[in-house]
Every structure is written in structure tokens, then in C-alpha cells.
C-alpha atoms as a PDB file:
ATOM      1  CA  UNK A   1      -0.004   0.027   0.015  1.00  0.00           C
ATOM      2  CA  UNK A   2       1.103   3.563  -0.602  1.00  0.00           C
ATOM      3  CA  UNK A   3       2.136   5.952   2.057  1.00  0.00           C
ATOM      4  CA  UNK A   4      -1.017   7.922   1.191  1.00  0.00           C
ATOM      5  CA  UNK A   5      -4.077   5.964   1.387  1.00  0.00           C
ATOM      6  CA  UNK A   6      -6.644   8.746   1.484  1.00  0.00           C
ATOM      7  CA  UNK A   7      -8.525   7.147  -1.483  1.00  0.00           C
ATOM      8  CA  UNK A   8      -8.605   3.651   0.087  1.00  0.00           C
ATOM      9  CA  UNK A   9     -11.326   2.300   2.275  1.00  0.00           C
ATOM     10  CA  UNK A  10     -10.533   2.555   6.017  1.00  0.00           C
ATOM     11  CA  UNK A  11     -11.154  -1.070   6.840  1.00  0.00           C
ATOM     12  CA  UNK A  12      -8.963  -2.169   3.968  1.00  0.00           C
ATOM     13  CA  UNK A  13      -6.077  -0.003   5.168  1.00  0.00           C
ATOM     14  CA  UNK A  14      -6.490  -1.099   8.867  1.00  0.00           C
ATOM     15  CA  UNK A  15      -6.592  -4.771   7.683  1.00  0.00           C
ATOM     16  CA  UNK A  16      -3.317  -4.228   5.854  1.00  0.00           C
ATOM     17  CA  UNK A  17      -1.713  -2.624   8.858  1.00  0.00           C
ATOM     18  CA  UNK A  18      -2.834  -5.291  11.195  1.00  0.00           C
ATOM     19  CA  UNK A  19      -1.856  -8.078   8.722  1.00  0.00           C
ATOM     20  CA  UNK A  20      -5.336  -9.689   9.219  1.00  0.00           C
ATOM     21  CA  UNK A  21      -8.950  -9.089   7.992  1.00  0.00           C
ATOM     22  CA  UNK A  22     -10.895  -6.670  10.011  1.00  0.00           C
ATOM     23  CA  UNK A  23     -14.569  -7.576   9.853  1.00  0.00           C
ATOM     24  CA  UNK A  24     -17.266  -4.889   9.488  1.00  0.00           C
ATOM     25  CA  UNK A  25     -18.705  -5.435  12.874  1.00  0.00           C
ATOM     26  CA  UNK A  26     -15.203  -4.996  14.527  1.00  0.00           C
ATOM     27  CA  UNK A  27     -14.718  -1.748  12.550  1.00  0.00           C
ATOM     28  CA  UNK A  28     -18.131  -0.498  13.511  1.00  0.00           C
ATOM     29  CA  UNK A  29     -17.378  -1.235  17.125  1.00  0.00           C
ATOM     30  CA  UNK A  30     -14.042   0.561  16.974  1.00  0.00           C
ATOM     31  CA  UNK A  31     -15.744   3.658  15.321  1.00  0.00           C
ATOM     32  CA  UNK A  32     -18.826   3.594  17.711  1.00  0.00           C
ATOM     33  CA  UNK A  33     -21.299   3.881  14.864  1.00  0.00           C
ATOM     34  CA  UNK A  34     -23.977   2.024  13.075  1.00  0.00           C
ATOM     35  CA  UNK A  35     -23.537   0.321   9.696  1.00  0.00           C
ATOM     36  CA  UNK A  36     -25.886   2.943   8.087  1.00  0.00           C
ATOM     37  CA  UNK A  37     -23.760   5.917   9.624  1.00  0.00           C
ATOM     38  CA  UNK A  38     -20.658   4.084   8.263  1.00  0.00           C
ATOM     39  CA  UNK A  39     -21.863   3.891   4.787  1.00  0.00           C
ATOM     40  CA  UNK A  40     -23.343   7.410   4.932  1.00  0.00           C
ATOM     41  CA  UNK A  41     -19.894   8.916   5.995  1.00  0.00           C
ATOM     42  CA  UNK A  42     -18.099   6.772   3.471  1.00  0.00           C
ATOM     43  CA  UNK A  43     -20.376   8.040   0.633  1.00  0.00           C
ATOM     44  CA  UNK A  44     -19.923  11.611   1.786  1.00  0.00           C
ATOM     45  CA  UNK A  45     -16.022  11.157   1.902  1.00  0.00           C
ATOM     46  CA  UNK A  46     -15.859  11.942   5.675  1.00  0.00           C
ATOM     47  CA  UNK A  47     -15.207   8.533   7.057  1.00  0.00           C
ATOM     48  CA  UNK A  48     -11.510   9.132   7.264  1.00  0.00           C
ATOM     49  CA  UNK A  49     -11.976  12.195   9.482  1.00  0.00           C
ATOM     50  CA  UNK A  50      -9.479  12.679  12.328  1.00  0.00           C
ATOM     51  CA  UNK A  51     -11.858  11.682  15.140  1.00  0.00           C
ATOM     52  CA  UNK A  52     -12.568   8.486  13.386  1.00  0.00           C
ATOM     53  CA  UNK A  53      -9.018   7.728  12.515  1.00  0.00           C
ATOM     54  CA  UNK A  54      -8.129   8.386  16.369  1.00  0.00           C
ATOM     55  CA  UNK A  55     -10.858   5.968  17.505  1.00  0.00           C
ATOM     56  CA  UNK A  56      -9.822   3.336  15.026  1.00  0.00           C
ATOM     57  CA  UNK A  57      -6.052   3.788  16.114  1.00  0.00           C
ATOM     58  CA  UNK A  58      -6.985   3.623  19.854  1.00  0.00           C
ATOM     59  CA  UNK A  59      -9.114   0.446  19.398  1.00  0.00           C
ATOM     60  CA  UNK A  60      -6.668  -1.491  17.370  1.00  0.00           C
ATOM     61  CA  UNK A  61      -3.504  -0.143  18.874  1.00  0.00           C
ATOM     62  CA  UNK A  62      -2.164   1.500  15.672  1.00  0.00           C
ATOM     63  CA  UNK A  63       0.097   4.385  15.408  1.00  0.00           C
ATOM     64  CA  UNK A  64      -2.155   7.572  15.293  1.00  0.00           C
ATOM     65  CA  UNK A  65       0.511   9.681  13.521  1.00  0.00           C
ATOM     66  CA  UNK A  66       0.801   6.922  10.941  1.00  0.00           C
ATOM     67  CA  UNK A  67      -2.892   7.074  10.167  1.00  0.00           C
ATOM     68  CA  UNK A  68      -2.881  10.878   9.951  1.00  0.00           C
ATOM     69  CA  UNK A  69      -0.094  10.798   7.472  1.00  0.00           C
ATOM     70  CA  UNK A  70      -1.634   7.935   5.458  1.00  0.00           C
ATOM     71  CA  UNK A  71      -4.918   9.677   4.967  1.00  0.00           C
ATOM     72  CA  UNK A  72      -3.399  13.085   4.169  1.00  0.00           C
ATOM     73  CA  UNK A  73      -4.324  14.915   7.387  1.00  0.00           C
ATOM     74  CA  UNK A  74      -0.532  15.507   8.174  1.00  0.00           C
ATOM     75  CA  UNK A  75       2.526  15.704   5.910  1.00  0.00           C
ATOM     76  CA  UNK A  76       5.768  14.132   6.823  1.00  0.00           C
ATOM     77  CA  UNK A  77       7.323  17.439   6.309  1.00  0.00           C
ATOM     78  CA  UNK A  78       5.122  19.154   8.853  1.00  0.00           C
ATOM     79  CA  UNK A  79       5.586  16.387  11.283  1.00  0.00           C
ATOM     80  CA  UNK A  80       9.412  16.659  11.066  1.00  0.00           C
ATOM     81  CA  UNK A  81       9.197  20.475  11.413  1.00  0.00           C
ATOM     82  CA  UNK A  82       7.078  20.094  14.541  1.00  0.00           C
ATOM     83  CA  UNK A  83       9.389  17.485  16.082  1.00  0.00           C
ATOM     84  CA  UNK A  84      12.492  19.750  15.257  1.00  0.00           C
ATOM     85  CA  UNK A  85      10.701  22.790  16.921  1.00  0.00           C
ATOM     86  CA  UNK A  86       9.930  20.763  19.921  1.00  0.00           C
ATOM     87  CA  UNK A  87      13.564  19.544  20.193  1.00  0.00           C
ATOM     88  CA  UNK A  88      12.637  15.865  19.710  1.00  0.00           C
ATOM     89  CA  UNK A  89      14.672  15.171  16.625  1.00  0.00           C
ATOM     90  CA  UNK A  90      17.527  16.844  14.943  1.00  0.00           C
ATOM     91  CA  UNK A  91      17.483  16.777  11.094  1.00  0.00           C
ATOM     92  CA  UNK A  92      20.740  16.103   9.244  1.00  0.00           C
ATOM     93  CA  UNK A  93      20.492  18.000   6.091  1.00  0.00           C
ATOM     94  CA  UNK A  94      24.070  17.692   5.048  1.00  0.00           C
ATOM     95  CA  UNK A  95      22.993  15.337   2.187  1.00  0.00           C
ATOM     96  CA  UNK A  96      20.167  17.157   0.296  1.00  0.00           C
ATOM     97  CA  UNK A  97      19.425  14.074  -1.852  1.00  0.00           C
ATOM     98  CA  UNK A  98      17.788  12.290   0.999  1.00  0.00           C
ATOM     99  CA  UNK A  99      14.054  12.564   1.285  1.00  0.00           C
ATOM    100  CA  UNK A 100      12.910  12.664   4.087  1.00  0.00           C
ATOM    101  CA  UNK A 101      16.005  13.926   5.922  1.00  0.00           C
ATOM    102  CA  UNK A 102      17.838  11.596   8.256  1.00  0.00           C
ATOM    103  CA  UNK A 103      16.590  12.121  11.750  1.00  0.00           C
ATOM    104  CA  UNK A 104      18.491  11.740  14.995  1.00  0.00           C
ATOM    105  CA  UNK A 105      16.473  11.154  18.099  1.00  0.00           C
ATOM    106  CA  UNK A 106      17.301  13.228  21.129  1.00  0.00           C
ATOM    107  CA  UNK A 107      17.182  11.142  24.309  1.00  0.00           C
ATOM    108  CA  UNK A 108      15.426  12.872  27.217  1.00  0.00           C
ATOM    109  CA  UNK A 109      15.392   9.986  29.630  1.00  0.00           C
ATOM    110  CA  UNK A 110      18.653   9.245  31.337  1.00  0.00           C
ATOM    111  CA  UNK A 111      17.524   6.426  33.488  1.00  0.00           C
ATOM    112  CA  UNK A 112      15.603   3.311  32.563  1.00  0.00           C
ATOM    113  CA  UNK A 113      12.193   2.599  33.987  1.00  0.00           C
ATOM    114  CA  UNK A 114      13.125  -0.942  34.710  1.00  0.00           C
ATOM    115  CA  UNK A 115      15.547  -1.683  37.363  1.00  0.00           C
ATOM    116  CA  UNK A 116      18.526  -4.063  36.769  1.00  0.00           C
ATOM    117  CA  UNK A 117      17.405  -7.788  36.877  1.00  0.00           C
ATOM    118  CA  UNK A 118      18.583  -9.585  39.933  1.00  0.00           C
ATOM    119  CA  UNK A 119      18.811 -13.283  40.694  1.00  0.00           C
ATOM    120  CA  UNK A 120      16.089 -14.690  42.745  1.00  0.00           C
ATOM    121  CA  UNK A 121      17.349 -15.931  46.256  1.00  0.00           C
ATOM    122  CA  UNK A 122      14.085 -17.666  47.255  1.00  0.00           C
ATOM    123  CA  UNK A 123      14.459 -20.646  44.692  1.00  0.00           C
ATOM    124  CA  UNK A 124      17.377 -23.098  44.464  1.00  0.00           C
ATOM    125  CA  UNK A 125      19.762 -22.687  41.523  1.00  0.00           C
ATOM    126  CA  UNK A 126      19.479 -24.917  38.485  1.00  0.00           C
END
């Protein structure tokens, strides 16, 4: 599938991303709408709205930003610009032929959430 799926059906794109078939009832449950509302929104071209995409991403555990980019609500350039302004990434523009620019993640956490694993002393060794 292309990186821009704005002309594709939402269920088809979600099925592709999940690598399994998503049934209509499952999609309706994720969207919180009836079948008639689904077809009405699809026919009007508003099914791929931001609130619907967020609901589907939340329900299926998909990346919200990926869906926004795929359906044309957010461009990759805008996303990179935003992350650069927030100090989350640093773009390496030394090689202008790369598209998109190579990004370096800025680490903010210095300590891991998990503590170092320790041997259990309450059980006998193997």
C-alpha cells in the first residue's frame, strides 16, 4: 500500500496494517457507529476524519500519526518540522538528496524505568 491511502477504504487500510482481515462489525465497534452511519460517512467522503482515525487507532493499537499521514491529514514534512521545533529530533540536512532527511532522536530519559535484573534468592539454583 502506498504511504498515502486517502482514497482507500478505512477497513482495507486497517486490515493491511494489522496483517489480518478486519470484519465490518469489528470496525463499527471501533468507530462507535451503526452500519448505516458508516456507509453514509463513506459515501460523503468524511469517514476518514481525524476523530474516526483516532478512534480506530486507539481500538486496534495502531500508530495515530501513521494514520494521519496515510490519510493526508498531516504531511511528513510538517511532522518533522514540528518535532524539530519541540527539540525531539535533529534533522541532518548535510545530504540534500535524502528524502525525508535523516533524523537523530534526542534522548530525554537518562534512567531506564526497569531496574536491573537480579537473581532470585528464594529458589534453588539450576
